[in-house]
Each structure stands twice: as C-alpha cells, then as structure tokens.
C-alpha cells in the first residue's frame, strides 16, 4: 500500500525549516533558540519537537537537504549516458543554478561547514562527512569514465575530485565575503570551464 502523504505535517515541517533557515542564517546557530524558531514559524515550541529531537537535529536536516541536492546532481551526471564532457557541463550549470536559487541555504551550509566540529556532535559530523565522501567518489567515477573514453587526459581521479570540490568551496567563501561584487553562479561556471579545459585530451 502506498504511503499516504500528510499535507498538514509537510506544511508544518516547511514552516519550521524556513523559519530556522532565516534565523540560523541571520543570527547564527548559537544565538537562535527553539522558542524563537517556533515563534517565527507561528507554531508552539512543542510542535518542533514532534519533528526534530533537538536544535542540532533541526540544523542537520537543513544541511542534509542542501547536501542531498548536490549529491543527487553529481550522481545523476555520473549515471547518465552520453559524452562525459557534456554531462560535466550540464552538472556545472545545474549546480550553478542551485547556488543561485538557494543562497540562504548556501550561506548556512558554509557557516556549518566551517564550524561543524563545534555545532555538531560526532554522530552528525559523520553523517555530513559521508555526504562529501559520496560526492567525491561520484566525481572520481565520472573523471575515470572520461579518461577511459579518451575524452580526458590521464590524471589522478581522486586528486582531481578533491581539486574540483576545493575550487567550489573556495568560491563559496569568496562569495560570502563579497556578495555584492561576485556572482557565485557565473564564477562557478567560469572556474569549472577552466578546470575542464585542462582535463580535455589534446
């Protein structure tokens, strides 16, 4: 039997997440309380605990949402058919659009990434780390396929995957410090074009 969706439950979850995202992004994790989140969501404090067991659990759910979106895009590119270079190009465009649409999530994700050892317990840190590992492994597979098909020159796929993720993370930091001057979407596309040009086999 198909699982029945509960529109009221989904609405409340969305209300809480949107309120938490605004407050965590604006005030910071440690300066935000469950009571403030409940008030911003227009719900009782006890309602939040029906969905999440703690403020940390709620914060992780926000981080997990964004990391899941990134991972889904990378794995979709890995599993697709066609020239690897085209799949990489499509991946970069989709990630760039995700950055553009979800700037609050991106801002929050970076703050938690920098401070996750302080914000998250070991249990949650391991979950976050597993997302990055899966993203890197998916990129490695895509790079290796490109080499096998003769589209990319021979490189160490693990090192190159680290480099690609590192470039994206570096741009995120620059964007956070220069939001008025830097378009994350455009910068990512330009940087990845340079990286992929260096990968292409002459």
N, C-alpha and C. Protein backbone atom coordinates (compact mmCIF):
# COMPACT_ATOMS: atom_id res chain seq x y z
N UNK A 1 0.84 -1.20 0.00
CA UNK A 1 0.00 0.00 0.00
C UNK A 1 0.88 1.25 0.00
N UNK A 2 0.55 2.19 -0.85
CA UNK A 2 1.35 3.41 -0.95
C UNK A 2 1.20 4.24 0.33
N UNK A 3 2.30 4.87 0.72
CA UNK A 3 2.28 5.70 1.92
C UNK A 3 1.45 6.95 1.67
N UNK A 4 0.55 7.25 2.61
CA UNK A 4 -0.28 8.43 2.47
C UNK A 4 0.51 9.67 2.91
N UNK A 5 0.43 10.69 2.11
CA UNK A 5 1.09 11.93 2.47
C UNK A 5 0.19 12.73 3.40
N UNK A 6 0.81 13.44 4.30
CA UNK A 6 0.08 14.27 5.26
C UNK A 6 0.40 15.73 4.96
N UNK A 7 -0.50 16.42 4.27
CA UNK A 7 -0.21 17.81 3.86
C UNK A 7 0.00 18.75 5.04
N UNK A 8 -0.70 18.51 6.16
CA UNK A 8 -0.52 19.37 7.33
C UNK A 8 0.88 19.18 7.90
N UNK A 9 1.30 17.94 8.01
CA UNK A 9 2.64 17.64 8.52
C UNK A 9 3.71 18.27 7.63
N UNK A 10 3.55 18.13 6.31
CA UNK A 10 4.52 18.69 5.38
C UNK A 10 4.56 20.21 5.46
N UNK A 11 3.38 20.82 5.62
CA UNK A 11 3.32 22.28 5.73
C UNK A 11 4.05 22.76 6.98
N UNK A 12 3.82 22.09 8.10
CA UNK A 12 4.47 22.49 9.34
C UNK A 12 5.98 22.30 9.26
N UNK A 13 6.41 21.19 8.68
CA UNK A 13 7.85 20.96 8.52
C UNK A 13 8.47 22.08 7.69
N UNK A 14 7.79 22.45 6.62
CA UNK A 14 8.31 23.52 5.76
C UNK A 14 8.35 24.84 6.50
N UNK A 15 7.29 25.14 7.26
CA UNK A 15 7.26 26.38 8.05
C UNK A 15 8.43 26.44 9.02
N UNK A 16 8.66 25.34 9.70
CA UNK A 16 9.73 25.30 10.70
C UNK A 16 11.10 25.43 10.04
N UNK A 17 11.28 24.72 8.93
CA UNK A 17 12.58 24.78 8.24
C UNK A 17 12.85 26.18 7.70
N UNK A 18 11.84 26.80 7.13
CA UNK A 18 12.03 28.15 6.59
C UNK A 18 12.36 29.14 7.70
N UNK A 19 11.70 29.01 8.84
CA UNK A 19 11.97 29.90 9.97
C UNK A 19 13.38 29.65 10.51
N UNK A 20 13.74 28.38 10.65
CA UNK A 20 15.07 28.05 11.17
C UNK A 20 16.16 28.53 10.22
N UNK A 21 15.93 28.38 8.93
CA UNK A 21 16.91 28.82 7.95
C UNK A 21 17.15 30.32 8.05
N UNK A 22 16.07 31.09 8.15
CA UNK A 22 16.20 32.55 8.28
C UNK A 22 16.97 32.93 9.55
N UNK A 23 16.62 32.30 10.64
CA UNK A 23 17.23 32.67 11.92
C UNK A 23 18.68 32.18 12.03
N UNK A 24 18.93 30.95 11.62
CA UNK A 24 20.31 30.45 11.66
C UNK A 24 21.21 31.29 10.76
N UNK A 25 20.70 31.66 9.57
CA UNK A 25 21.50 32.45 8.63
C UNK A 25 21.74 33.86 9.16
N UNK A 26 20.72 34.43 9.79
CA UNK A 26 20.84 35.81 10.26
C UNK A 26 21.47 35.97 11.62
N UNK A 27 21.06 35.13 12.58
CA UNK A 27 21.52 35.27 13.96
C UNK A 27 22.66 34.32 14.32
N UNK A 28 22.78 33.24 13.54
CA UNK A 28 23.75 32.21 13.88
C UNK A 28 23.10 31.09 14.68
N UNK A 29 23.72 29.94 14.65
CA UNK A 29 23.17 28.76 15.32
C UNK A 29 23.06 28.97 16.83
N UNK A 30 24.13 29.44 17.43
CA UNK A 30 24.18 29.53 18.89
C UNK A 30 23.32 30.66 19.44
N UNK A 31 23.02 31.65 18.63
CA UNK A 31 22.19 32.78 19.08
C UNK A 31 20.72 32.60 18.75
N UNK A 32 20.38 31.42 18.27
CA UNK A 32 18.98 31.11 17.93
C UNK A 32 18.46 30.03 18.86
N UNK A 33 17.27 30.24 19.38
CA UNK A 33 16.66 29.24 20.27
C UNK A 33 15.47 28.57 19.59
N UNK A 34 15.11 27.43 20.12
CA UNK A 34 13.93 26.72 19.62
C UNK A 34 12.68 27.59 19.78
N UNK A 35 12.61 28.32 20.87
CA UNK A 35 11.46 29.21 21.10
C UNK A 35 11.36 30.26 20.00
N UNK A 36 12.49 30.85 19.62
CA UNK A 36 12.50 31.85 18.55
C UNK A 36 12.08 31.24 17.22
N UNK A 37 12.53 30.04 16.95
CA UNK A 37 12.15 29.36 15.71
C UNK A 37 10.65 29.10 15.69
N UNK A 38 10.13 28.63 16.81
CA UNK A 38 8.69 28.36 16.90
C UNK A 38 7.88 29.63 16.69
N UNK A 39 8.30 30.71 17.32
CA UNK A 39 7.58 31.99 17.16
C UNK A 39 7.63 32.46 15.71
N UNK A 40 8.80 32.34 15.08
CA UNK A 40 8.95 32.78 13.69
C UNK A 40 8.11 31.92 12.75
N UNK A 41 7.91 30.66 13.12
CA UNK A 41 7.11 29.75 12.29
C UNK A 41 5.62 29.86 12.60
N UNK A 42 5.29 30.59 13.66
CA UNK A 42 3.89 30.72 14.05
C UNK A 42 3.32 29.46 14.66
N UNK A 43 4.19 28.70 15.34
CA UNK A 43 3.78 27.43 15.94
C UNK A 43 4.21 27.39 17.40
N UNK A 44 3.68 26.45 18.13
CA UNK A 44 4.10 26.26 19.51
C UNK A 44 5.45 25.58 19.58
N UNK A 45 6.17 25.87 20.64
CA UNK A 45 7.50 25.28 20.82
C UNK A 45 7.46 23.76 20.80
N UNK A 46 6.43 23.19 21.43
CA UNK A 46 6.33 21.74 21.48
C UNK A 46 6.17 21.09 20.12
N UNK A 47 5.59 21.84 19.18
CA UNK A 47 5.38 21.29 17.83
C UNK A 47 6.70 20.91 17.17
N UNK A 48 7.72 21.73 17.39
CA UNK A 48 9.01 21.46 16.76
C UNK A 48 9.56 20.11 17.21
N UNK A 49 9.33 19.77 18.48
CA UNK A 49 9.86 18.51 19.00
C UNK A 49 9.08 17.29 18.51
N UNK A 50 7.97 17.51 17.84
CA UNK A 50 7.30 16.40 17.17
C UNK A 50 8.07 15.96 15.93
N UNK A 51 8.86 16.89 15.38
CA UNK A 51 9.56 16.62 14.12
C UNK A 51 11.06 16.44 14.29
N UNK A 52 11.64 17.15 15.23
CA UNK A 52 13.09 17.05 15.48
C UNK A 52 13.34 16.95 16.97
N UNK A 53 14.32 16.17 17.33
CA UNK A 53 14.56 15.93 18.76
C UNK A 53 15.36 17.03 19.43
N UNK A 54 16.01 17.89 18.63
CA UNK A 54 16.83 18.96 19.21
C UNK A 54 17.09 20.03 18.16
N UNK A 55 17.65 21.14 18.59
CA UNK A 55 18.03 22.20 17.66
C UNK A 55 19.11 21.69 16.71
N UNK A 56 20.02 20.88 17.23
CA UNK A 56 21.07 20.29 16.40
C UNK A 56 20.47 19.40 15.32
N UNK A 57 19.47 18.63 15.68
CA UNK A 57 18.80 17.74 14.72
C UNK A 57 18.13 18.55 13.62
N UNK A 58 17.50 19.65 13.98
CA UNK A 58 16.87 20.53 13.00
C UNK A 58 17.92 21.16 12.09
N UNK A 59 19.02 21.62 12.67
CA UNK A 59 20.09 22.22 11.87
C UNK A 59 20.66 21.20 10.89
N UNK A 60 20.85 19.98 11.35
CA UNK A 60 21.36 18.94 10.45
C UNK A 60 20.41 18.68 9.30
N UNK A 61 19.10 18.72 9.57
CA UNK A 61 18.13 18.47 8.50
C UNK A 61 18.26 19.51 7.39
N UNK A 62 18.56 20.76 7.76
CA UNK A 62 18.76 21.81 6.75
C UNK A 62 20.02 21.55 5.94
N UNK A 63 21.10 21.22 6.63
CA UNK A 63 22.36 20.91 5.94
C UNK A 63 22.18 19.70 5.04
N UNK A 64 21.49 18.70 5.55
CA UNK A 64 21.26 17.47 4.79
C UNK A 64 20.46 17.74 3.52
N UNK A 65 19.47 18.62 3.60
CA UNK A 65 18.67 18.97 2.41
C UNK A 65 19.56 19.48 1.29
N UNK A 66 20.45 20.41 1.62
CA UNK A 66 21.31 21.02 0.61
C UNK A 66 22.34 20.02 0.08
N UNK A 67 22.96 19.28 0.98
CA UNK A 67 23.95 18.30 0.55
C UNK A 67 23.32 17.21 -0.29
N UNK A 68 22.09 16.84 0.04
CA UNK A 68 21.38 15.83 -0.76
C UNK A 68 21.14 16.33 -2.18
N UNK A 69 20.81 17.61 -2.31
CA UNK A 69 20.60 18.19 -3.64
C UNK A 69 21.89 18.15 -4.45
N UNK A 70 23.00 18.53 -3.83
CA UNK A 70 24.29 18.48 -4.52
C UNK A 70 24.63 17.05 -4.92
N UNK A 71 24.48 16.14 -3.99
CA UNK A 71 24.81 14.74 -4.26
C UNK A 71 23.94 14.17 -5.37
N UNK A 72 22.66 14.48 -5.36
CA UNK A 72 21.76 13.98 -6.40
C UNK A 72 22.20 14.45 -7.79
N UNK A 73 22.61 15.71 -7.89
CA UNK A 73 23.05 16.24 -9.18
C UNK A 73 24.31 15.54 -9.67
N UNK A 74 25.26 15.33 -8.77
CA UNK A 74 26.52 14.68 -9.16
C UNK A 74 26.27 13.23 -9.56
N UNK A 75 25.46 12.52 -8.78
CA UNK A 75 25.20 11.12 -9.10
C UNK A 75 24.37 10.98 -10.37
N UNK A 76 23.51 11.95 -10.63
CA UNK A 76 22.74 11.93 -11.88
C UNK A 76 23.68 12.06 -13.07
N UNK A 77 24.66 12.95 -12.96
CA UNK A 77 25.64 13.12 -14.03
C UNK A 77 26.48 11.86 -14.20
N UNK A 78 26.86 11.25 -13.11
CA UNK A 78 27.65 10.02 -13.17
C UNK A 78 26.88 8.90 -13.86
N UNK A 79 25.60 8.78 -13.58
CA UNK A 79 24.80 7.65 -14.07
C UNK A 79 24.19 7.89 -15.45
N UNK A 80 24.28 9.11 -15.95
CA UNK A 80 23.69 9.43 -17.25
C UNK A 80 24.52 8.81 -18.38
N UNK A 81 23.97 8.88 -19.58
CA UNK A 81 24.68 8.39 -20.76
C UNK A 81 25.12 9.57 -21.61
N UNK A 82 26.01 9.31 -22.55
CA UNK A 82 26.48 10.37 -23.43
C UNK A 82 27.88 10.81 -23.08
N UNK A 83 28.44 11.74 -23.87
CA UNK A 83 29.80 12.22 -23.64
C UNK A 83 29.97 12.76 -22.22
N UNK A 84 31.07 12.39 -21.60
CA UNK A 84 31.31 12.81 -20.22
C UNK A 84 31.45 14.33 -20.13
N UNK A 85 32.11 14.93 -21.11
CA UNK A 85 32.30 16.38 -21.08
C UNK A 85 30.96 17.12 -21.07
N UNK A 86 30.00 16.61 -21.83
CA UNK A 86 28.68 17.25 -21.85
C UNK A 86 27.97 17.07 -20.51
N UNK A 87 28.12 15.91 -19.91
CA UNK A 87 27.50 15.66 -18.61
C UNK A 87 28.11 16.54 -17.53
N UNK A 88 29.42 16.76 -17.62
CA UNK A 88 30.08 17.68 -16.69
C UNK A 88 29.54 19.10 -16.88
N UNK A 89 29.40 19.51 -18.13
CA UNK A 89 28.90 20.86 -18.40
C UNK A 89 27.49 21.04 -17.85
N UNK A 90 26.65 20.03 -18.07
CA UNK A 90 25.28 20.10 -17.55
C UNK A 90 25.28 20.12 -16.02
N UNK A 91 26.18 19.35 -15.43
CA UNK A 91 26.29 19.31 -13.97
C UNK A 91 26.65 20.68 -13.42
N UNK A 92 27.63 21.32 -14.02
CA UNK A 92 28.06 22.64 -13.55
C UNK A 92 26.91 23.64 -13.66
N UNK A 93 26.20 23.60 -14.78
CA UNK A 93 25.07 24.52 -14.96
C UNK A 93 23.99 24.29 -13.90
N UNK A 94 23.70 23.03 -13.61
CA UNK A 94 22.66 22.73 -12.62
C UNK A 94 23.10 23.12 -11.21
N UNK A 95 24.37 22.88 -10.89
CA UNK A 95 24.88 23.28 -9.58
C UNK A 95 24.88 24.81 -9.46
N UNK A 96 25.28 25.48 -10.54
CA UNK A 96 25.30 26.95 -10.53
C UNK A 96 23.90 27.50 -10.30
N UNK A 97 22.90 26.90 -10.94
CA UNK A 97 21.52 27.35 -10.74
C UNK A 97 21.05 27.07 -9.31
N UNK A 98 21.50 25.96 -8.75
CA UNK A 98 21.15 25.64 -7.36
C UNK A 98 21.73 26.69 -6.42
N UNK A 99 22.98 27.08 -6.65
CA UNK A 99 23.58 28.15 -5.86
C UNK A 99 22.74 29.42 -5.96
N UNK A 100 22.30 29.73 -7.17
CA UNK A 100 21.55 30.96 -7.41
C UNK A 100 20.20 30.95 -6.69
N UNK A 101 19.53 29.79 -6.72
CA UNK A 101 18.19 29.68 -6.11
C UNK A 101 18.24 29.61 -4.59
N UNK A 102 19.27 28.99 -4.08
CA UNK A 102 19.29 28.67 -2.64
C UNK A 102 20.42 29.40 -1.91
N UNK A 103 20.46 30.71 -2.05
CA UNK A 103 21.57 31.46 -1.45
C UNK A 103 21.55 31.37 0.08
N UNK A 104 20.38 31.37 0.69
CA UNK A 104 20.32 31.26 2.15
C UNK A 104 20.84 29.91 2.62
N UNK A 105 20.47 28.86 1.89
CA UNK A 105 20.97 27.54 2.23
C UNK A 105 22.49 27.48 2.07
N UNK A 106 22.99 28.07 1.01
CA UNK A 106 24.43 28.06 0.76
C UNK A 106 25.17 28.79 1.87
N UNK A 107 24.63 29.93 2.26
CA UNK A 107 25.25 30.71 3.34
C UNK A 107 25.28 29.90 4.64
N UNK A 108 24.18 29.25 4.93
CA UNK A 108 24.10 28.44 6.14
C UNK A 108 25.02 27.23 6.06
N UNK A 109 25.05 26.59 4.91
CA UNK A 109 25.89 25.41 4.72
C UNK A 109 27.34 25.74 4.97
N UNK A 110 27.79 26.89 4.46
CA UNK A 110 29.19 27.25 4.65
C UNK A 110 29.49 27.53 6.11
N UNK A 111 28.58 28.22 6.79
CA UNK A 111 28.79 28.51 8.22
C UNK A 111 28.91 27.21 9.01
N UNK A 112 28.07 26.26 8.71
CA UNK A 112 28.12 24.99 9.42
C UNK A 112 29.35 24.18 9.03
N UNK A 113 29.76 24.30 7.78
CA UNK A 113 30.94 23.57 7.34
C UNK A 113 32.18 24.05 8.08
N UNK A 114 32.30 25.35 8.23
CA UNK A 114 33.45 25.92 8.91
C UNK A 114 33.45 25.55 10.39
N UNK A 115 32.26 25.51 10.99
CA UNK A 115 32.16 25.37 12.44
C UNK A 115 31.50 24.06 12.86
N UNK A 116 31.47 23.07 11.97
CA UNK A 116 30.67 21.90 12.26
C UNK A 116 31.19 21.08 13.44
N UNK A 117 32.51 21.14 13.72
CA UNK A 117 33.04 20.40 14.85
C UNK A 117 32.53 20.98 16.17
N UNK A 118 32.12 22.24 16.13
CA UNK A 118 31.62 22.90 17.33
C UNK A 118 30.10 22.78 17.43
N UNK A 119 29.44 22.84 16.28
CA UNK A 119 27.98 22.80 16.25
C UNK A 119 27.45 21.38 16.38
N UNK A 120 28.06 20.46 15.63
CA UNK A 120 27.52 19.11 15.55
C UNK A 120 28.30 18.12 16.42
N UNK A 121 27.57 17.18 16.99
CA UNK A 121 28.20 16.08 17.72
C UNK A 121 28.83 15.12 16.72
N UNK A 122 29.56 14.14 17.23
CA UNK A 122 30.24 13.18 16.35
C UNK A 122 29.24 12.49 15.43
N UNK A 123 28.08 12.13 15.95
CA UNK A 123 27.06 11.44 15.15
C UNK A 123 26.71 12.24 13.89
N UNK A 124 26.47 13.53 14.05
CA UNK A 124 26.07 14.35 12.91
C UNK A 124 27.27 14.69 12.02
N UNK A 125 28.44 14.88 12.62
CA UNK A 125 29.63 15.17 11.80
C UNK A 125 29.92 14.02 10.86
N UNK A 126 29.74 12.81 11.35
CA UNK A 126 29.98 11.64 10.50
C UNK A 126 28.98 11.59 9.35
N UNK A 127 27.74 11.97 9.61
CA UNK A 127 26.74 11.99 8.54
C UNK A 127 27.09 13.03 7.49
N UNK A 128 27.51 14.21 7.93
CA UNK A 128 27.89 15.27 6.99
C UNK A 128 29.10 14.82 6.17
N UNK A 129 30.09 14.24 6.84
CA UNK A 129 31.29 13.78 6.15
C UNK A 129 30.95 12.73 5.10
N UNK A 130 29.97 11.88 5.39
CA UNK A 130 29.60 10.83 4.43
C UNK A 130 29.04 11.41 3.14
N UNK A 131 28.35 12.55 3.24
CA UNK A 131 27.86 13.21 2.02
C UNK A 131 29.03 13.64 1.15
N UNK A 132 30.03 14.28 1.75
CA UNK A 132 31.18 14.76 0.97
C UNK A 132 31.95 13.60 0.37
N UNK A 133 32.05 12.51 1.10
CA UNK A 133 32.74 11.33 0.57
C UNK A 133 32.01 10.79 -0.65
N UNK A 134 30.69 10.70 -0.57
CA UNK A 134 29.91 10.20 -1.71
C UNK A 134 30.00 11.13 -2.91
N UNK A 135 30.02 12.44 -2.66
CA UNK A 135 30.18 13.39 -3.76
C UNK A 135 31.53 13.21 -4.44
N UNK A 136 32.57 13.08 -3.62
CA UNK A 136 33.91 12.92 -4.19
C UNK A 136 34.01 11.63 -4.99
N UNK A 137 33.46 10.54 -4.45
CA UNK A 137 33.52 9.26 -5.15
C UNK A 137 32.77 9.32 -6.48
N UNK A 138 31.63 10.00 -6.50
CA UNK A 138 30.87 10.12 -7.75
C UNK A 138 31.65 10.93 -8.78
N UNK A 139 32.32 11.99 -8.33
CA UNK A 139 33.16 12.77 -9.25
C UNK A 139 34.32 11.94 -9.75
N UNK A 140 34.93 11.16 -8.88
CA UNK A 140 36.03 10.28 -9.30
C UNK A 140 35.57 9.35 -10.41
N UNK A 141 34.40 8.75 -10.23
CA UNK A 141 33.88 7.82 -11.24
C UNK A 141 33.67 8.52 -12.58
N UNK A 142 33.17 9.73 -12.53
CA UNK A 142 32.92 10.48 -13.76
C UNK A 142 34.23 10.82 -14.46
N UNK A 143 35.22 11.22 -13.71
CA UNK A 143 36.54 11.54 -14.27
C UNK A 143 37.17 10.29 -14.88
N UNK A 144 37.08 9.17 -14.16
CA UNK A 144 37.65 7.92 -14.66
C UNK A 144 36.97 7.48 -15.96
N UNK A 145 35.66 7.66 -16.04
CA UNK A 145 34.96 7.32 -17.28
C UNK A 145 35.44 8.21 -18.42
N UNK A 146 35.65 9.48 -18.14
CA UNK A 146 36.16 10.39 -19.16
C UNK A 146 37.52 9.97 -19.67
N UNK A 147 38.37 9.48 -18.79
CA UNK A 147 39.69 9.00 -19.21
C UNK A 147 39.57 7.72 -20.02
N UNK A 148 38.71 6.80 -19.56
CA UNK A 148 38.53 5.53 -20.27
C UNK A 148 38.01 5.75 -21.68
N UNK A 149 37.17 6.75 -21.86
CA UNK A 149 36.59 7.03 -23.18
C UNK A 149 37.50 7.91 -24.04
N UNK A 150 38.62 8.31 -23.50
CA UNK A 150 39.56 9.13 -24.26
C UNK A 150 39.19 10.59 -24.34
N UNK A 151 38.23 11.03 -23.52
CA UNK A 151 37.84 12.45 -23.53
C UNK A 151 38.77 13.29 -22.65
N UNK A 152 39.28 12.68 -21.58
CA UNK A 152 40.14 13.38 -20.64
C UNK A 152 41.54 12.80 -20.67
N UNK A 153 42.51 13.65 -20.41
CA UNK A 153 43.88 13.16 -20.28
C UNK A 153 44.01 12.37 -18.97
N UNK A 154 45.09 11.63 -18.86
CA UNK A 154 45.30 10.81 -17.67
C UNK A 154 45.66 11.69 -16.46
N UNK A 155 44.86 11.58 -15.43
CA UNK A 155 45.10 12.30 -14.18
C UNK A 155 44.78 11.36 -13.02
N UNK A 156 45.14 11.76 -11.83
CA UNK A 156 44.73 11.01 -10.64
C UNK A 156 43.30 11.46 -10.31
N UNK A 157 42.35 10.56 -10.49
CA UNK A 157 40.94 10.94 -10.36
C UNK A 157 40.59 11.42 -8.96
N UNK A 158 41.20 10.81 -7.96
CA UNK A 158 40.91 11.21 -6.58
C UNK A 158 41.39 12.63 -6.33
N UNK A 159 42.62 12.91 -6.76
CA UNK A 159 43.17 14.26 -6.58
C UNK A 159 42.34 15.29 -7.33
N UNK A 160 41.95 14.97 -8.57
CA UNK A 160 41.17 15.91 -9.36
C UNK A 160 39.80 16.16 -8.73
N UNK A 161 39.19 15.13 -8.17
CA UNK A 161 37.90 15.31 -7.49
C UNK A 161 38.05 16.24 -6.29
N UNK A 162 39.13 16.07 -5.54
CA UNK A 162 39.40 16.97 -4.42
C UNK A 162 39.57 18.41 -4.91
N UNK A 163 40.27 18.56 -6.02
CA UNK A 163 40.51 19.90 -6.57
C UNK A 163 39.20 20.56 -6.98
N UNK A 164 38.35 19.82 -7.68
CA UNK A 164 37.07 20.38 -8.14
C UNK A 164 36.21 20.82 -6.96
N UNK A 165 36.13 19.99 -5.94
CA UNK A 165 35.35 20.35 -4.76
C UNK A 165 35.99 21.53 -4.02
N UNK A 166 37.33 21.53 -3.99
CA UNK A 166 38.03 22.62 -3.32
C UNK A 166 37.84 23.95 -4.01
N UNK A 167 37.84 23.94 -5.33
CA UNK A 167 37.60 25.18 -6.08
C UNK A 167 36.20 25.71 -5.77
N UNK A 168 35.21 24.82 -5.77
CA UNK A 168 33.84 25.24 -5.47
C UNK A 168 33.74 25.82 -4.06
N UNK A 169 34.39 25.16 -3.10
CA UNK A 169 34.33 25.65 -1.72
C UNK A 169 35.04 26.99 -1.57
N UNK A 170 36.16 27.15 -2.29
CA UNK A 170 36.87 28.42 -2.24
C UNK A 170 36.04 29.56 -2.79
N UNK A 171 35.31 29.29 -3.86
CA UNK A 171 34.43 30.30 -4.43
C UNK A 171 33.28 30.64 -3.49
N UNK A 172 32.80 29.63 -2.78
CA UNK A 172 31.73 29.88 -1.80
C UNK A 172 32.20 30.90 -0.76
N UNK A 173 33.42 30.72 -0.28
CA UNK A 173 33.95 31.64 0.74
C UNK A 173 34.10 33.04 0.18
N UNK A 174 34.65 33.14 -1.04
CA UNK A 174 34.80 34.46 -1.66
C UNK A 174 33.44 35.13 -1.86
N UNK A 175 32.46 34.32 -2.25
CA UNK A 175 31.11 34.87 -2.47
C UNK A 175 30.52 35.39 -1.16
N UNK A 176 30.69 34.63 -0.08
CA UNK A 176 30.14 35.05 1.21
C UNK A 176 30.75 36.37 1.68
N UNK A 177 32.01 36.61 1.33
CA UNK A 177 32.69 37.84 1.75
C UNK A 177 32.50 38.97 0.76
N UNK A 178 32.02 38.67 -0.44
CA UNK A 178 31.88 39.70 -1.48
C UNK A 178 30.58 39.50 -2.26
N UNK A 179 29.47 39.35 -1.56
CA UNK A 179 28.21 39.02 -2.22
C UNK A 179 27.77 40.09 -3.22
N UNK A 180 28.08 41.35 -2.95
CA UNK A 180 27.64 42.42 -3.83
C UNK A 180 28.46 42.48 -5.12
N UNK A 181 29.66 41.94 -5.08
CA UNK A 181 30.56 42.06 -6.23
C UNK A 181 30.70 40.78 -7.04
N UNK A 182 30.39 39.64 -6.42
CA UNK A 182 30.66 38.36 -7.07
C UNK A 182 29.37 37.57 -7.28
N UNK A 183 29.17 37.12 -8.51
CA UNK A 183 28.06 36.21 -8.81
C UNK A 183 28.58 34.78 -8.67
N UNK A 184 28.08 34.07 -7.68
CA UNK A 184 28.53 32.70 -7.45
C UNK A 184 28.24 31.83 -8.67
N UNK A 185 27.10 32.05 -9.26
CA UNK A 185 26.70 31.26 -10.43
C UNK A 185 27.69 31.46 -11.58
N UNK A 186 28.01 32.71 -11.89
CA UNK A 186 28.92 32.99 -13.00
C UNK A 186 30.34 32.56 -12.69
N UNK A 187 30.77 32.78 -11.45
CA UNK A 187 32.13 32.43 -11.06
C UNK A 187 32.35 30.93 -11.12
N UNK A 188 31.35 30.16 -10.68
CA UNK A 188 31.48 28.71 -10.72
C UNK A 188 31.58 28.21 -12.16
N UNK A 189 30.75 28.74 -13.02
CA UNK A 189 30.79 28.32 -14.43
C UNK A 189 32.15 28.63 -15.05
N UNK A 190 32.66 29.82 -14.78
CA UNK A 190 33.95 30.23 -15.35
C UNK A 190 35.08 29.35 -14.82
N UNK A 191 35.09 29.12 -13.51
CA UNK A 191 36.15 28.32 -12.90
C UNK A 191 36.12 26.88 -13.41
N UNK A 192 34.93 26.29 -13.49
CA UNK A 192 34.83 24.91 -13.94
C UNK A 192 35.17 24.77 -15.42
N UNK A 193 34.88 25.80 -16.21
CA UNK A 193 35.26 25.76 -17.62
C UNK A 193 36.77 25.69 -17.75
N UNK A 194 37.46 26.46 -16.93
CA UNK A 194 38.93 26.43 -16.93
C UNK A 194 39.43 25.05 -16.51
N UNK A 195 38.83 24.49 -15.46
CA UNK A 195 39.25 23.18 -14.97
C UNK A 195 39.03 22.10 -16.01
N UNK A 196 37.87 22.11 -16.66
CA UNK A 196 37.57 21.07 -17.64
C UNK A 196 38.41 21.23 -18.90
N UNK A 197 38.76 22.46 -19.24
CA UNK A 197 39.65 22.68 -20.38
C UNK A 197 41.00 22.03 -20.13
N UNK A 198 41.45 22.08 -18.88
CA UNK A 198 42.73 21.46 -18.54
C UNK A 198 42.63 19.94 -18.54
N UNK A 199 41.43 19.41 -18.35
CA UNK A 199 41.23 17.96 -18.34
C UNK A 199 41.13 17.37 -19.74
N UNK A 200 40.64 18.17 -20.66
CA UNK A 200 40.39 17.64 -22.01
C UNK A 200 41.67 17.14 -22.66
N UNK A 201 41.53 16.04 -23.35
CA UNK A 201 42.66 15.45 -24.05
C UNK A 201 42.93 16.22 -25.32
N UNK A 202 44.19 16.56 -25.55
CA UNK A 202 44.55 17.32 -26.76
C UNK A 202 44.38 16.45 -28.00
